[in-house]
Amino acid sequence: MVVLQNVKFLVRVVFMVIISIVLWPVRIKKNKILFINFNGKGYGDNPKSICEYLRVTYPELDLVWLTKDNEDFPDGVRVVRYKSLQSFYEQASSKVWVYNVRNFERLLKKRGQFYIQTWHGASSFKLIEKQADLPLKYILEAKYDARVTDIMISDSRKQTEEFQKYFWYSGEIFEVGMPRNDALFHYKEDYDKLNNIRKKLSIDSDD
């Protein structure tokens, strides 16, 4: 089983390198931003919050979402099938990548591309990577992913320290909070949504 897994790993690495070489000449489009949520899941988490802000604020951007799901997406977001041939072209031509997990089904990053890793939660509530019993192939790919990441987003000083200590990452970290949590602060201006939340939680409107 281990041998088979290692063979699959090597085949995948070789395939991604070949695709990267083939698409290397593809021109990077400065207005294109690529999003992936949990390796092909639908419209959600931190990438969604960033995408929503950009969609409303900068409608001229080409926002591309790679997904395996067939759910509806808002206007202004271009949906592409995850791991399709077109998805590799979109990766090769995007100026910015926004991911919330380590993604190993992706091309080699070219000079001029920018990789933002938002992560997806507080690392204290799960096994931290260097402390977990992980396969060697994951560690190798995780170290490469950390090396090519340009920015990580952190929700606290504690998480920043964990990224630096346990995630093989030594680059820049923006300690600005999780984008998906921004809505909690904006709801105070949207009384309908705020009241709906209060009803679901059985909180009196005067509290």
N, C-alpha and C. Protein backbone atom coordinates (compact mmCIF):
# COMPACT_ATOMS: atom_id res chain seq x y z
N MET A 1 0.83 -1.21 0.00
CA MET A 1 0.00 0.00 0.00
C MET A 1 0.87 1.26 0.00
N VAL A 2 1.92 1.27 0.85
CA VAL A 2 2.81 2.43 0.92
C VAL A 2 3.52 2.63 -0.41
N VAL A 3 3.96 1.53 -1.03
CA VAL A 3 4.64 1.62 -2.32
C VAL A 3 3.71 2.21 -3.36
N LEU A 4 2.47 1.75 -3.40
CA LEU A 4 1.49 2.26 -4.36
C LEU A 4 1.24 3.74 -4.15
N GLN A 5 1.13 4.15 -2.89
CA GLN A 5 0.92 5.57 -2.59
C GLN A 5 2.11 6.41 -3.06
N ASN A 6 3.31 5.90 -2.86
CA ASN A 6 4.50 6.63 -3.29
C ASN A 6 4.57 6.73 -4.81
N VAL A 7 4.17 5.66 -5.49
CA VAL A 7 4.15 5.69 -6.96
C VAL A 7 3.15 6.72 -7.46
N LYS A 8 1.96 6.74 -6.85
CA LYS A 8 0.95 7.73 -7.23
C LYS A 8 1.45 9.15 -6.97
N PHE A 9 2.14 9.32 -5.87
CA PHE A 9 2.70 10.62 -5.53
C PHE A 9 3.70 11.07 -6.59
N LEU A 10 4.60 10.19 -6.99
CA LEU A 10 5.60 10.53 -7.99
C LEU A 10 4.96 10.82 -9.34
N VAL A 11 3.96 10.03 -9.71
CA VAL A 11 3.25 10.26 -10.97
C VAL A 11 2.59 11.63 -10.97
N ARG A 12 1.97 11.98 -9.85
CA ARG A 12 1.30 13.28 -9.74
C ARG A 12 2.30 14.42 -9.83
N VAL A 13 3.43 14.28 -9.15
CA VAL A 13 4.45 15.33 -9.19
C VAL A 13 4.98 15.51 -10.60
N VAL A 14 5.27 14.41 -11.28
CA VAL A 14 5.79 14.48 -12.65
C VAL A 14 4.75 15.12 -13.57
N PHE A 15 3.49 14.73 -13.40
CA PHE A 15 2.42 15.29 -14.23
C PHE A 15 2.32 16.79 -14.05
N MET A 16 2.34 17.26 -12.78
CA MET A 16 2.21 18.69 -12.53
C MET A 16 3.42 19.46 -13.06
N VAL A 17 4.60 18.87 -12.99
CA VAL A 17 5.79 19.53 -13.53
C VAL A 17 5.69 19.65 -15.04
N ILE A 18 5.23 18.58 -15.70
CA ILE A 18 5.08 18.61 -17.15
C ILE A 18 4.06 19.66 -17.58
N ILE A 19 2.90 19.68 -16.91
CA ILE A 19 1.87 20.68 -17.22
C ILE A 19 2.41 22.08 -16.98
N SER A 20 3.16 22.25 -15.91
CA SER A 20 3.74 23.57 -15.60
C SER A 20 4.68 24.03 -16.72
N ILE A 21 5.49 23.10 -17.22
CA ILE A 21 6.43 23.45 -18.29
C ILE A 21 5.68 23.81 -19.57
N VAL A 22 4.66 23.02 -19.89
CA VAL A 22 3.86 23.28 -21.10
C VAL A 22 3.19 24.65 -21.03
N LEU A 23 2.69 25.01 -19.85
CA LEU A 23 1.94 26.26 -19.70
C LEU A 23 2.82 27.43 -19.24
N TRP A 24 4.10 27.20 -19.09
CA TRP A 24 4.99 28.25 -18.61
C TRP A 24 4.95 29.51 -19.48
N PRO A 25 4.85 29.39 -20.82
CA PRO A 25 4.82 30.60 -21.65
C PRO A 25 3.52 31.40 -21.57
N VAL A 26 2.48 30.82 -20.94
CA VAL A 26 1.19 31.52 -20.86
C VAL A 26 1.36 32.84 -20.12
N ARG A 27 0.82 33.88 -20.70
CA ARG A 27 0.96 35.22 -20.13
C ARG A 27 0.12 35.39 -18.87
N ILE A 28 0.70 35.99 -17.85
CA ILE A 28 -0.02 36.27 -16.61
C ILE A 28 -0.91 37.49 -16.81
N LYS A 29 -2.18 37.37 -16.45
CA LYS A 29 -3.13 38.47 -16.58
C LYS A 29 -3.24 39.19 -15.23
N LYS A 30 -2.89 40.45 -15.23
CA LYS A 30 -2.78 41.20 -13.98
C LYS A 30 -4.11 41.36 -13.24
N ASN A 31 -5.22 41.24 -13.96
CA ASN A 31 -6.52 41.45 -13.32
C ASN A 31 -7.20 40.13 -12.93
N LYS A 32 -6.50 39.02 -13.05
CA LYS A 32 -7.11 37.72 -12.77
C LYS A 32 -6.67 37.20 -11.41
N ILE A 33 -7.66 36.81 -10.60
CA ILE A 33 -7.40 36.25 -9.27
C ILE A 33 -8.09 34.89 -9.17
N LEU A 34 -7.35 33.89 -8.73
CA LEU A 34 -7.83 32.52 -8.67
C LEU A 34 -8.11 32.12 -7.22
N PHE A 35 -9.25 31.46 -7.00
CA PHE A 35 -9.65 31.04 -5.65
C PHE A 35 -9.88 29.53 -5.61
N ILE A 36 -9.44 28.90 -4.53
CA ILE A 36 -9.75 27.50 -4.26
C ILE A 36 -10.10 27.36 -2.78
N ASN A 37 -11.22 26.69 -2.52
CA ASN A 37 -11.68 26.46 -1.15
C ASN A 37 -11.63 24.97 -0.85
N PHE A 38 -10.80 24.57 0.10
CA PHE A 38 -10.69 23.17 0.50
C PHE A 38 -10.55 22.23 -0.71
N ASN A 39 -9.62 22.54 -1.58
CA ASN A 39 -9.30 21.67 -2.72
C ASN A 39 -10.51 21.31 -3.57
N GLY A 40 -11.27 22.32 -3.94
CA GLY A 40 -12.35 22.11 -4.90
C GLY A 40 -13.75 22.12 -4.35
N LYS A 41 -13.91 22.45 -3.07
CA LYS A 41 -15.27 22.57 -2.54
C LYS A 41 -15.89 23.88 -3.02
N GLY A 42 -17.15 24.10 -2.66
CA GLY A 42 -17.89 25.23 -3.20
C GLY A 42 -17.49 26.59 -2.66
N TYR A 43 -18.40 27.53 -2.79
CA TYR A 43 -18.18 28.94 -2.48
C TYR A 43 -18.23 29.14 -0.97
N GLY A 44 -17.07 29.21 -0.31
CA GLY A 44 -17.09 29.32 1.14
C GLY A 44 -15.77 29.73 1.75
N ASP A 45 -15.82 29.86 3.07
CA ASP A 45 -14.67 30.12 3.94
C ASP A 45 -13.98 31.44 3.58
N ASN A 46 -12.73 31.57 3.98
CA ASN A 46 -12.00 32.83 3.79
C ASN A 46 -11.88 33.26 2.33
N PRO A 47 -11.63 32.34 1.39
CA PRO A 47 -11.59 32.77 -0.01
C PRO A 47 -12.90 33.42 -0.47
N LYS A 48 -14.03 32.90 0.00
CA LYS A 48 -15.31 33.51 -0.37
C LYS A 48 -15.40 34.94 0.12
N SER A 49 -15.02 35.18 1.36
CA SER A 49 -15.11 36.53 1.92
C SER A 49 -14.24 37.52 1.15
N ILE A 50 -13.05 37.08 0.78
CA ILE A 50 -12.17 37.94 -0.02
C ILE A 50 -12.75 38.17 -1.40
N CYS A 51 -13.26 37.10 -2.00
CA CYS A 51 -13.86 37.19 -3.33
C CYS A 51 -15.07 38.12 -3.33
N GLU A 52 -15.91 38.02 -2.31
CA GLU A 52 -17.10 38.87 -2.23
C GLU A 52 -16.72 40.35 -2.17
N TYR A 53 -15.72 40.67 -1.38
CA TYR A 53 -15.28 42.06 -1.28
C TYR A 53 -14.76 42.56 -2.62
N LEU A 54 -13.95 41.76 -3.27
CA LEU A 54 -13.39 42.17 -4.56
C LEU A 54 -14.47 42.26 -5.63
N ARG A 55 -15.42 41.33 -5.58
CA ARG A 55 -16.50 41.31 -6.59
C ARG A 55 -17.32 42.59 -6.55
N VAL A 56 -17.58 43.09 -5.36
CA VAL A 56 -18.39 44.29 -5.20
C VAL A 56 -17.56 45.56 -5.40
N THR A 57 -16.35 45.54 -4.89
CA THR A 57 -15.52 46.74 -4.89
C THR A 57 -14.77 46.96 -6.19
N TYR A 58 -14.34 45.86 -6.81
CA TYR A 58 -13.56 45.96 -8.05
C TYR A 58 -14.17 45.06 -9.13
N PRO A 59 -15.30 45.45 -9.69
CA PRO A 59 -16.00 44.60 -10.67
C PRO A 59 -15.22 44.34 -11.95
N GLU A 60 -14.16 45.11 -12.17
CA GLU A 60 -13.36 44.92 -13.39
C GLU A 60 -12.42 43.71 -13.29
N LEU A 61 -12.27 43.15 -12.09
CA LEU A 61 -11.38 42.00 -11.91
C LEU A 61 -11.99 40.73 -12.49
N ASP A 62 -11.14 39.85 -12.97
CA ASP A 62 -11.55 38.53 -13.44
C ASP A 62 -11.35 37.56 -12.28
N LEU A 63 -12.44 37.22 -11.59
CA LEU A 63 -12.39 36.37 -10.40
C LEU A 63 -12.75 34.94 -10.81
N VAL A 64 -11.82 34.02 -10.64
CA VAL A 64 -11.99 32.64 -11.09
C VAL A 64 -12.04 31.71 -9.89
N TRP A 65 -13.07 30.86 -9.85
CA TRP A 65 -13.23 29.93 -8.73
C TRP A 65 -13.15 28.50 -9.26
N LEU A 66 -12.21 27.71 -8.73
CA LEU A 66 -12.08 26.32 -9.12
C LEU A 66 -12.87 25.45 -8.14
N THR A 67 -13.79 24.63 -8.67
CA THR A 67 -14.66 23.86 -7.79
C THR A 67 -15.08 22.54 -8.43
N LYS A 68 -15.38 21.57 -7.57
CA LYS A 68 -15.94 20.29 -8.01
C LYS A 68 -17.46 20.29 -7.85
N ASP A 69 -18.01 21.28 -7.16
CA ASP A 69 -19.43 21.35 -6.87
C ASP A 69 -20.20 22.07 -7.98
N ASN A 70 -21.48 21.75 -8.08
CA ASN A 70 -22.33 22.37 -9.09
C ASN A 70 -23.31 23.37 -8.48
N GLU A 71 -22.88 24.09 -7.48
CA GLU A 71 -23.75 25.07 -6.84
C GLU A 71 -23.74 26.38 -7.61
N ASP A 72 -24.70 27.23 -7.30
CA ASP A 72 -24.78 28.53 -7.95
C ASP A 72 -23.73 29.48 -7.37
N PHE A 73 -23.16 30.27 -8.23
CA PHE A 73 -22.19 31.29 -7.83
C PHE A 73 -22.73 32.66 -8.21
N PRO A 74 -22.34 33.70 -7.48
CA PRO A 74 -22.84 35.05 -7.78
C PRO A 74 -22.28 35.58 -9.09
N ASP A 75 -22.97 36.58 -9.63
CA ASP A 75 -22.47 37.25 -10.83
C ASP A 75 -21.10 37.84 -10.55
N GLY A 76 -20.26 37.80 -11.54
CA GLY A 76 -18.92 38.36 -11.37
C GLY A 76 -17.88 37.35 -10.97
N VAL A 77 -18.31 36.10 -10.71
CA VAL A 77 -17.37 35.03 -10.38
C VAL A 77 -17.44 33.97 -11.48
N ARG A 78 -16.33 33.71 -12.12
CA ARG A 78 -16.26 32.75 -13.21
C ARG A 78 -15.88 31.38 -12.66
N VAL A 79 -16.73 30.40 -12.88
CA VAL A 79 -16.55 29.07 -12.29
C VAL A 79 -15.88 28.13 -13.29
N VAL A 80 -14.85 27.43 -12.84
CA VAL A 80 -14.11 26.48 -13.66
C VAL A 80 -14.00 25.16 -12.89
N ARG A 81 -14.14 24.07 -13.61
CA ARG A 81 -14.07 22.75 -12.97
C ARG A 81 -12.68 22.49 -12.40
N TYR A 82 -12.64 22.12 -11.14
CA TYR A 82 -11.37 21.84 -10.46
C TYR A 82 -10.66 20.66 -11.11
N LYS A 83 -9.35 20.79 -11.34
CA LYS A 83 -8.49 19.77 -11.93
C LYS A 83 -8.79 19.49 -13.40
N SER A 84 -9.58 20.35 -14.04
CA SER A 84 -9.79 20.22 -15.48
C SER A 84 -8.60 20.85 -16.21
N LEU A 85 -8.49 20.60 -17.51
CA LEU A 85 -7.42 21.22 -18.28
C LEU A 85 -7.52 22.73 -18.24
N GLN A 86 -8.77 23.24 -18.27
CA GLN A 86 -8.94 24.69 -18.21
C GLN A 86 -8.47 25.25 -16.87
N SER A 87 -8.66 24.47 -15.80
CA SER A 87 -8.24 24.95 -14.48
C SER A 87 -6.73 25.17 -14.42
N PHE A 88 -5.98 24.33 -15.12
CA PHE A 88 -4.53 24.51 -15.15
C PHE A 88 -4.15 25.77 -15.93
N TYR A 89 -4.89 26.03 -17.01
CA TYR A 89 -4.65 27.27 -17.76
C TYR A 89 -4.94 28.48 -16.88
N GLU A 90 -6.05 28.42 -16.12
CA GLU A 90 -6.41 29.54 -15.25
C GLU A 90 -5.33 29.77 -14.19
N GLN A 91 -4.79 28.69 -13.65
CA GLN A 91 -3.70 28.83 -12.67
C GLN A 91 -2.49 29.50 -13.30
N ALA A 92 -2.15 29.06 -14.50
CA ALA A 92 -0.96 29.58 -15.17
C ALA A 92 -1.09 31.05 -15.52
N SER A 93 -2.31 31.52 -15.74
CA SER A 93 -2.52 32.90 -16.21
C SER A 93 -3.00 33.85 -15.12
N SER A 94 -3.18 33.36 -13.89
CA SER A 94 -3.66 34.21 -12.80
C SER A 94 -2.51 34.95 -12.14
N LYS A 95 -2.76 36.20 -11.80
CA LYS A 95 -1.76 37.00 -11.09
C LYS A 95 -1.68 36.60 -9.62
N VAL A 96 -2.85 36.30 -9.03
CA VAL A 96 -2.91 35.99 -7.59
C VAL A 96 -3.65 34.68 -7.38
N TRP A 97 -3.12 33.85 -6.49
CA TRP A 97 -3.80 32.64 -6.03
C TRP A 97 -4.23 32.86 -4.58
N VAL A 98 -5.48 32.49 -4.27
CA VAL A 98 -5.99 32.58 -2.89
C VAL A 98 -6.49 31.20 -2.48
N TYR A 99 -5.79 30.56 -1.57
CA TYR A 99 -6.15 29.22 -1.09
C TYR A 99 -6.34 29.25 0.43
N ASN A 100 -7.10 28.27 0.95
CA ASN A 100 -7.26 28.18 2.40
C ASN A 100 -6.73 26.87 2.98
N VAL A 101 -6.17 26.02 2.12
CA VAL A 101 -5.46 24.82 2.57
C VAL A 101 -4.26 24.64 1.64
N ARG A 102 -3.35 23.80 2.04
CA ARG A 102 -2.25 23.47 1.14
C ARG A 102 -2.83 22.73 -0.06
N ASN A 103 -2.47 23.17 -1.24
CA ASN A 103 -3.00 22.56 -2.46
C ASN A 103 -1.86 21.95 -3.25
N PHE A 104 -1.91 20.63 -3.42
CA PHE A 104 -0.82 19.94 -4.11
C PHE A 104 -1.19 19.59 -5.55
N GLU A 105 -2.39 19.96 -5.98
CA GLU A 105 -2.81 19.73 -7.36
C GLU A 105 -2.71 21.05 -8.12
N ARG A 106 -1.58 21.66 -8.05
CA ARG A 106 -1.43 22.96 -8.68
C ARG A 106 -0.09 23.08 -9.39
N LEU A 107 -0.01 24.06 -10.27
CA LEU A 107 1.19 24.26 -11.06
C LEU A 107 2.31 24.87 -10.23
N LEU A 108 3.51 24.79 -10.78
CA LEU A 108 4.62 25.51 -10.17
C LEU A 108 4.37 27.01 -10.32
N LYS A 109 4.62 27.75 -9.26
CA LYS A 109 4.39 29.20 -9.31
C LYS A 109 5.45 29.88 -10.15
N LYS A 110 4.98 30.77 -11.03
CA LYS A 110 5.90 31.49 -11.91
C LYS A 110 6.29 32.83 -11.30
N ARG A 111 7.40 33.36 -11.77
CA ARG A 111 7.80 34.71 -11.37
C ARG A 111 6.70 35.68 -11.79
N GLY A 112 6.29 36.53 -10.87
CA GLY A 112 5.22 37.48 -11.16
C GLY A 112 3.87 37.07 -10.61
N GLN A 113 3.77 35.80 -10.14
CA GLN A 113 2.53 35.37 -9.50
C GLN A 113 2.65 35.53 -7.99
N PHE A 114 1.49 35.68 -7.33
CA PHE A 114 1.46 36.00 -5.90
C PHE A 114 0.51 35.03 -5.21
N TYR A 115 0.99 34.35 -4.19
CA TYR A 115 0.24 33.29 -3.52
C TYR A 115 -0.13 33.72 -2.10
N ILE A 116 -1.45 33.82 -1.84
CA ILE A 116 -1.97 34.17 -0.51
C ILE A 116 -2.57 32.92 0.12
N GLN A 117 -2.09 32.55 1.30
CA GLN A 117 -2.61 31.41 2.04
C GLN A 117 -3.38 31.94 3.25
N THR A 118 -4.72 31.78 3.23
CA THR A 118 -5.55 32.31 4.32
C THR A 118 -5.70 31.33 5.47
N TRP A 119 -5.36 30.06 5.25
CA TRP A 119 -5.64 28.98 6.18
C TRP A 119 -7.14 28.94 6.46
N HIS A 120 -7.58 28.08 7.36
CA HIS A 120 -9.03 27.87 7.48
C HIS A 120 -9.52 27.78 8.91
N GLY A 121 -8.66 28.09 9.87
CA GLY A 121 -9.14 28.04 11.24
C GLY A 121 -8.01 28.22 12.22
N ALA A 122 -8.36 28.19 13.48
CA ALA A 122 -7.36 28.35 14.53
C ALA A 122 -6.60 27.04 14.68
N SER A 123 -5.30 27.09 14.49
CA SER A 123 -4.49 25.86 14.52
C SER A 123 -4.46 25.21 15.89
N SER A 124 -4.79 25.94 16.93
CA SER A 124 -4.75 25.38 18.29
C SER A 124 -5.78 24.27 18.47
N PHE A 125 -6.80 24.23 17.64
CA PHE A 125 -7.87 23.27 17.82
C PHE A 125 -7.64 21.99 17.01
N LYS A 126 -6.48 21.85 16.40
CA LYS A 126 -6.21 20.66 15.62
C LYS A 126 -4.73 20.32 15.76
N LEU A 127 -4.34 19.18 15.26
CA LEU A 127 -2.93 18.83 15.29
C LEU A 127 -2.14 19.81 14.42
N ILE A 128 -1.14 20.42 14.99
CA ILE A 128 -0.30 21.34 14.25
C ILE A 128 0.66 20.52 13.40
N GLU A 129 0.91 20.98 12.21
CA GLU A 129 1.58 20.15 11.22
C GLU A 129 2.86 19.48 11.71
N LYS A 130 3.77 20.21 12.29
CA LYS A 130 5.03 19.61 12.71
C LYS A 130 4.86 18.65 13.88
N GLN A 131 3.72 18.75 14.58
CA GLN A 131 3.48 17.88 15.72
C GLN A 131 2.69 16.64 15.33
N ALA A 132 2.13 16.64 14.12
CA ALA A 132 1.31 15.53 13.67
C ALA A 132 2.17 14.44 13.04
N ASP A 133 1.64 13.22 13.04
CA ASP A 133 2.33 12.10 12.41
C ASP A 133 1.96 12.09 10.93
N LEU A 134 2.75 12.75 10.13
CA LEU A 134 2.42 12.96 8.72
C LEU A 134 3.34 12.16 7.81
N PRO A 135 2.82 11.71 6.66
CA PRO A 135 3.67 11.00 5.70
C PRO A 135 4.76 11.90 5.15
N LEU A 136 5.87 11.31 4.77
CA LEU A 136 6.99 12.08 4.24
C LEU A 136 6.58 12.88 3.01
N LYS A 137 5.76 12.30 2.14
CA LYS A 137 5.37 13.01 0.92
C LYS A 137 4.59 14.27 1.24
N TYR A 138 3.76 14.22 2.31
CA TYR A 138 3.03 15.43 2.70
C TYR A 138 4.01 16.48 3.21
N ILE A 139 4.95 16.07 4.02
CA ILE A 139 5.92 17.01 4.59
C ILE A 139 6.71 17.70 3.48
N LEU A 140 7.15 16.93 2.49
CA LEU A 140 7.91 17.50 1.38
C LEU A 140 7.09 18.53 0.62
N GLU A 141 5.83 18.19 0.35
CA GLU A 141 4.96 19.11 -0.39
C GLU A 141 4.60 20.32 0.46
N ALA A 142 4.40 20.09 1.76
CA ALA A 142 4.06 21.21 2.66
C ALA A 142 5.22 22.19 2.76
N LYS A 143 6.43 21.67 2.79
CA LYS A 143 7.60 22.56 2.85
C LYS A 143 7.73 23.37 1.57
N TYR A 144 7.45 22.72 0.44
CA TYR A 144 7.49 23.46 -0.83
C TYR A 144 6.40 24.53 -0.86
N ASP A 145 5.20 24.15 -0.41
CA ASP A 145 4.08 25.10 -0.39
C ASP A 145 4.42 26.31 0.47
N ALA A 146 5.03 26.06 1.63
CA ALA A 146 5.41 27.16 2.52
C ALA A 146 6.46 28.05 1.88
N ARG A 147 7.36 27.43 1.12
CA ARG A 147 8.44 28.20 0.50
C ARG A 147 7.93 29.15 -0.59
N VAL A 148 6.88 28.74 -1.31
CA VAL A 148 6.38 29.58 -2.41
C VAL A 148 5.24 30.51 -1.98
N THR A 149 4.78 30.38 -0.73
CA THR A 149 3.72 31.26 -0.22
C THR A 149 4.29 32.66 -0.01
N ASP A 150 3.55 33.67 -0.47
CA ASP A 150 4.00 35.06 -0.31
C ASP A 150 3.46 35.69 0.97
N ILE A 151 2.21 35.36 1.32
CA ILE A 151 1.58 35.94 2.52
C ILE A 151 0.68 34.89 3.16
N MET A 152 0.73 34.80 4.47
CA MET A 152 -0.26 34.04 5.23
C MET A 152 -1.08 35.03 6.05
N ILE A 153 -2.33 34.68 6.31
CA ILE A 153 -3.22 35.53 7.10
C ILE A 153 -3.44 34.88 8.46
N SER A 154 -3.28 35.66 9.51
CA SER A 154 -3.39 35.16 10.88
C SER A 154 -4.48 35.92 11.63
N ASP A 155 -5.09 35.24 12.61
CA ASP A 155 -6.14 35.90 13.40
C ASP A 155 -5.64 36.38 14.76
N SER A 156 -4.37 36.11 15.10
CA SER A 156 -3.88 36.51 16.42
C SER A 156 -2.36 36.36 16.48
N ARG A 157 -1.76 36.93 17.50
CA ARG A 157 -0.33 36.77 17.71
C ARG A 157 0.01 35.31 17.95
N LYS A 158 -0.86 34.60 18.66
CA LYS A 158 -0.62 33.18 18.95
C LYS A 158 -0.58 32.37 17.66
N GLN A 159 -1.54 32.62 16.77
CA GLN A 159 -1.55 31.87 15.52
C GLN A 159 -0.34 32.23 14.65
N THR A 160 0.04 33.49 14.67
CA THR A 160 1.23 33.91 13.93
C THR A 160 2.45 33.12 14.40
N GLU A 161 2.60 33.00 15.71
CA GLU A 161 3.74 32.27 16.26
C GLU A 161 3.68 30.79 15.89
N GLU A 162 2.46 30.23 15.84
CA GLU A 162 2.32 28.82 15.45
C GLU A 162 2.68 28.61 13.99
N PHE A 163 2.26 29.54 13.13
CA PHE A 163 2.65 29.44 11.72
C PHE A 163 4.17 29.45 11.58
N GLN A 164 4.79 30.34 12.31
CA GLN A 164 6.25 30.48 12.21
C GLN A 164 6.98 29.27 12.80
N LYS A 165 6.42 28.70 13.83
CA LYS A 165 7.11 27.62 14.54
C LYS A 165 6.81 26.23 13.98
N TYR A 166 5.56 26.02 13.52
CA TYR A 166 5.13 24.67 13.19
C TYR A 166 4.78 24.43 11.72
N PHE A 167 4.71 25.46 10.91
CA PHE A 167 4.22 25.28 9.54
C PHE A 167 5.31 25.43 8.48
N TRP A 168 6.55 25.36 8.88
CA TRP A 168 7.68 25.47 7.94
C TRP A 168 7.63 26.79 7.16
N TYR A 169 7.05 27.82 7.76
CA TYR A 169 6.86 29.08 7.03
C TYR A 169 7.66 30.19 7.70
N SER A 170 8.41 30.93 6.89
CA SER A 170 9.22 32.03 7.43
C SER A 170 8.96 33.34 6.69
N GLY A 171 7.88 33.39 5.90
CA GLY A 171 7.58 34.58 5.13
C GLY A 171 6.72 35.58 5.88
N GLU A 172 6.10 36.47 5.13
CA GLU A 172 5.31 37.55 5.72
C GLU A 172 3.95 37.04 6.18
N ILE A 173 3.51 37.53 7.33
CA ILE A 173 2.21 37.16 7.89
C ILE A 173 1.43 38.43 8.19
N PHE A 174 0.21 38.50 7.67
CA PHE A 174 -0.68 39.62 7.96
C PHE A 174 -1.59 39.23 9.12
N GLU A 175 -1.39 39.86 10.26
CA GLU A 175 -2.18 39.56 11.45
C GLU A 175 -3.42 40.46 11.45
N VAL A 176 -4.37 40.12 10.60
CA VAL A 176 -5.54 40.98 10.37
C VAL A 176 -6.85 40.28 10.69
N GLY A 177 -6.80 39.05 11.17
CA GLY A 177 -8.03 38.32 11.44
C GLY A 177 -8.47 37.50 10.25
N MET A 178 -9.39 36.57 10.49
CA MET A 178 -9.92 35.74 9.42
C MET A 178 -10.95 36.52 8.61
N PRO A 179 -10.81 36.62 7.30
CA PRO A 179 -11.77 37.37 6.48
C PRO A 179 -13.21 36.92 6.67
N ARG A 180 -13.42 35.62 6.88
CA ARG A 180 -14.79 35.11 7.03
C ARG A 180 -15.48 35.67 8.27
N ASN A 181 -14.68 36.14 9.25
CA ASN A 181 -15.27 36.68 10.48
C ASN A 181 -15.64 38.16 10.37
N ASP A 182 -15.25 38.81 9.28
CA ASP A 182 -15.56 40.23 9.11
C ASP A 182 -17.06 40.48 9.13
N ALA A 183 -17.83 39.51 8.62
CA ALA A 183 -19.28 39.69 8.57
C ALA A 183 -19.88 39.88 9.95
N LEU A 184 -19.25 39.32 10.97
CA LEU A 184 -19.76 39.47 12.33
C LEU A 184 -19.76 40.93 12.77
N PHE A 185 -18.82 41.69 12.24
CA PHE A 185 -18.73 43.10 12.60
C PHE A 185 -19.62 43.97 11.71
N HIS A 186 -19.91 43.47 10.51
CA HIS A 186 -20.73 44.25 9.58
C HIS A 186 -22.22 44.06 9.82
N TYR A 187 -22.59 42.95 10.50
CA TYR A 187 -24.01 42.68 10.72
C TYR A 187 -24.70 43.76 11.54
N LYS A 188 -23.96 44.49 12.32
CA LYS A 188 -24.59 45.51 13.16
C LYS A 188 -25.26 46.58 12.32
N GLU A 189 -24.88 46.68 11.04
CA GLU A 189 -25.49 47.65 10.14
C GLU A 189 -26.59 47.02 9.30
N ASP A 190 -26.78 45.71 9.42
CA ASP A 190 -27.81 45.01 8.67
C ASP A 190 -28.79 44.40 9.68
N TYR A 191 -29.83 45.15 10.00
CA TYR A 191 -30.72 44.77 11.09
C TYR A 191 -31.51 43.50 10.80
N ASP A 192 -31.86 43.26 9.54
CA ASP A 192 -32.60 42.05 9.20
C ASP A 192 -31.77 40.80 9.49
N LYS A 193 -30.52 40.80 9.04
CA LYS A 193 -29.65 39.66 9.29
C LYS A 193 -29.37 39.52 10.78
N LEU A 194 -29.18 40.65 11.44
CA LEU A 194 -28.89 40.62 12.87
C LEU A 194 -30.06 40.04 13.64
N ASN A 195 -31.27 40.43 13.30
CA ASN A 195 -32.46 39.91 13.98
C ASN A 195 -32.66 38.43 13.71
N ASN A 196 -32.36 37.99 12.48
CA ASN A 196 -32.47 36.56 12.16
C ASN A 196 -31.51 35.74 13.00
N ILE A 197 -30.30 36.24 13.16
CA ILE A 197 -29.31 35.54 13.99
C ILE A 197 -29.78 35.48 15.44
N ARG A 198 -30.33 36.59 15.93
CA ARG A 198 -30.82 36.62 17.32
C ARG A 198 -31.95 35.62 17.53
N LYS A 199 -32.84 35.51 16.53
CA LYS A 199 -33.96 34.56 16.65
C LYS A 199 -33.45 33.13 16.71
N LYS A 200 -32.47 32.80 15.85
CA LYS A 200 -31.93 31.45 15.83
C LYS A 200 -31.24 31.10 17.14
N LEU A 201 -30.64 32.11 17.77
CA LEU A 201 -29.92 31.88 19.03
C LEU A 201 -30.77 32.19 20.26
N SER A 202 -32.05 32.53 20.01
CA SER A 202 -32.98 32.87 21.10
C SER A 202 -32.45 33.99 21.97
N ILE A 203 -31.91 35.02 21.33
CA ILE A 203 -31.41 36.20 22.03
C ILE A 203 -32.42 37.33 21.88
N ASP A 204 -32.78 37.93 22.99
CA ASP A 204 -33.74 39.03 22.94
C ASP A 204 -33.15 40.22 22.19
N SER A 205 -33.97 40.91 21.42
CA SER A 205 -33.50 42.03 20.60
C SER A 205 -32.98 43.19 21.42
N ASP A 206 -33.32 43.24 22.71
CA ASP A 206 -32.85 44.33 23.57
C ASP A 206 -31.50 44.02 24.21
N ASP A 207 -31.02 42.77 24.05
CA ASP A 207 -29.75 42.39 24.70
C ASP A 207 -28.56 42.98 23.97
